[in-house]
Amino acid sequence: MNQNHPNRSKVPDWPSYVKQFRERHNLSQVLLAAKLRVEETTVQRWEAGERKPAPYLKRALRDLTRELETTN
């Protein structure tokens, strides 16, 4: 399963995916939230398993992955 692009496959564990995404790209919850234009509590809820990203935010994560991978 390609976990670099969340829309290409089903992500079975969003809390782990989001946390690993942040760690892989050296982002705090605050910085990830700012890049996605959401509240920090939104990212916290994803990582706590209280919520899953809405479809448009899954696309934003995919796009951010592409952006971060081309700059590194």
C-alpha atoms as a PDB file:
ATOM      1  CA  MET A   1       0.000   0.000   0.000  1.00  0.00           C
ATOM      2  CA  ASN A   2       1.366   3.398  -0.968  1.00  0.00           C
ATOM      3  CA  GLN A   3       0.917   5.549   2.097  1.00  0.00           C
ATOM      4  CA  ASN A   4       2.570   8.592   0.537  1.00  0.00           C
ATOM      5  CA  HIS A   5      -0.608   9.410  -1.362  1.00  0.00           C
ATOM      6  CA  PRO A   6      -3.700   8.923   0.810  1.00  0.00           C
ATOM      7  CA  ASN A   7      -6.221   9.155  -2.030  1.00  0.00           C
ATOM      8  CA  ARG A   8      -4.645   6.361  -4.078  1.00  0.00           C
ATOM      9  CA  SER A   9      -5.457   3.715  -1.521  1.00  0.00           C
ATOM     10  CA  LYS A  10      -7.458   3.297   1.612  1.00  0.00           C
ATOM     11  CA  VAL A  11      -5.566   4.417   4.690  1.00  0.00           C
ATOM     12  CA  PRO A  12      -6.537   1.908   7.392  1.00  0.00           C
ATOM     13  CA  ASP A  13      -5.141   3.915  10.301  1.00  0.00           C
ATOM     14  CA  TRP A  14      -5.493   7.684   9.933  1.00  0.00           C
ATOM     15  CA  PRO A  15      -4.071   8.522  13.383  1.00  0.00           C
ATOM     16  CA  SER A  16      -0.809   6.736  12.568  1.00  0.00           C
ATOM     17  CA  TYR A  17      -0.736   8.055   9.007  1.00  0.00           C
ATOM     18  CA  VAL A  18      -1.030  11.693  10.098  1.00  0.00           C
ATOM     19  CA  LYS A  19       1.533  11.352  12.877  1.00  0.00           C
ATOM     20  CA  GLN A  20       4.011   9.549  10.615  1.00  0.00           C
ATOM     21  CA  PHE A  21       3.422  12.138   7.899  1.00  0.00           C
ATOM     22  CA  ARG A  22       4.268  14.947  10.332  1.00  0.00           C
ATOM     23  CA  GLU A  23       7.346  13.174  11.657  1.00  0.00           C
ATOM     24  CA  ARG A  24       8.610  12.265   8.178  1.00  0.00           C
ATOM     25  CA  HIS A  25       8.401  15.916   7.132  1.00  0.00           C
ATOM     26  CA  ASN A  26       9.494  17.408  10.476  1.00  0.00           C
ATOM     27  CA  LEU A  27       6.201  19.234  11.022  1.00  0.00           C
ATOM     28  CA  SER A  28       4.592  20.073  14.342  1.00  0.00           C
ATOM     29  CA  GLN A  29       0.833  19.793  14.692  1.00  0.00           C
ATOM     30  CA  VAL A  30       0.683  23.584  14.578  1.00  0.00           C
ATOM     31  CA  LEU A  31       2.689  23.786  11.355  1.00  0.00           C
ATOM     32  CA  LEU A  32       0.738  21.012   9.631  1.00  0.00           C
ATOM     33  CA  ALA A  33      -2.502  22.706  10.624  1.00  0.00           C
ATOM     34  CA  ALA A  34      -1.270  26.003   9.202  1.00  0.00           C
ATOM     35  CA  LYS A  35      -0.226  24.388   5.917  1.00  0.00           C
ATOM     36  CA  LEU A  36      -3.656  22.752   5.593  1.00  0.00           C
ATOM     37  CA  ARG A  37      -5.483  25.870   6.831  1.00  0.00           C
ATOM     38  CA  VAL A  38      -7.213  24.051   9.670  1.00  0.00           C
ATOM     39  CA  GLU A  39      -7.140  24.496  13.429  1.00  0.00           C
ATOM     40  CA  GLU A  40      -4.450  22.740  15.462  1.00  0.00           C
ATOM     41  CA  THR A  41      -7.230  20.897  17.301  1.00  0.00           C
ATOM     42  CA  THR A  42      -8.268  19.343  13.987  1.00  0.00           C
ATOM     43  CA  VAL A  43      -4.845  17.727  13.580  1.00  0.00           C
ATOM     44  CA  GLN A  44      -4.932  16.674  17.246  1.00  0.00           C
ATOM     45  CA  ARG A  45      -8.308  14.992  16.705  1.00  0.00           C
ATOM     46  CA  TRP A  46      -7.024  13.129  13.655  1.00  0.00           C
ATOM     47  CA  GLU A  47      -4.054  11.814  15.606  1.00  0.00           C
ATOM     48  CA  ALA A  48      -6.259  10.874  18.573  1.00  0.00           C
ATOM     49  CA  GLY A  49      -8.576   8.946  16.262  1.00  0.00           C
ATOM     50  CA  GLU A  50     -11.535  11.163  17.090  1.00  0.00           C
ATOM     51  CA  ARG A  51     -12.009  12.285  13.488  1.00  0.00           C
ATOM     52  CA  LYS A  52     -10.833  11.447   9.981  1.00  0.00           C
ATOM     53  CA  PRO A  53      -9.860  14.110   7.461  1.00  0.00           C
ATOM     54  CA  ALA A  54     -12.638  15.237   5.148  1.00  0.00           C
ATOM     55  CA  PRO A  55     -12.134  14.278   1.480  1.00  0.00           C
ATOM     56  CA  TYR A  56     -10.875  17.744   0.532  1.00  0.00           C
ATOM     57  CA  LEU A  57      -8.308  17.555   3.347  1.00  0.00           C
ATOM     58  CA  LYS A  58      -7.174  14.125   2.181  1.00  0.00           C
ATOM     59  CA  ARG A  59      -6.507  15.739  -1.199  1.00  0.00           C
ATOM     60  CA  ALA A  60      -4.699  18.603   0.549  1.00  0.00           C
ATOM     61  CA  LEU A  61      -2.497  16.080   2.378  1.00  0.00           C
ATOM     62  CA  ARG A  62      -1.730  14.378  -0.933  1.00  0.00           C
ATOM     63  CA  ASP A  63      -0.829  17.698  -2.521  1.00  0.00           C
ATOM     64  CA  LEU A  64       1.285  18.687   0.474  1.00  0.00           C
ATOM     65  CA  THR A  65       3.115  15.361   0.233  1.00  0.00           C
ATOM     66  CA  ARG A  66       4.006  16.121  -3.377  1.00  0.00           C
ATOM     67  CA  GLU A  67       5.104  19.650  -2.494  1.00  0.00           C
ATOM     68  CA  LEU A  68       7.292  18.548   0.425  1.00  0.00           C
ATOM     69  CA  GLU A  69       8.855  15.681  -1.501  1.00  0.00           C
ATOM     70  CA  THR A  70       9.875  17.927  -4.378  1.00  0.00           C
ATOM     71  CA  THR A  71      11.476  20.492  -2.052  1.00  0.00           C
ATOM     72  CA  ASN A  72      13.516  17.916  -0.098  1.00  0.00           C
END
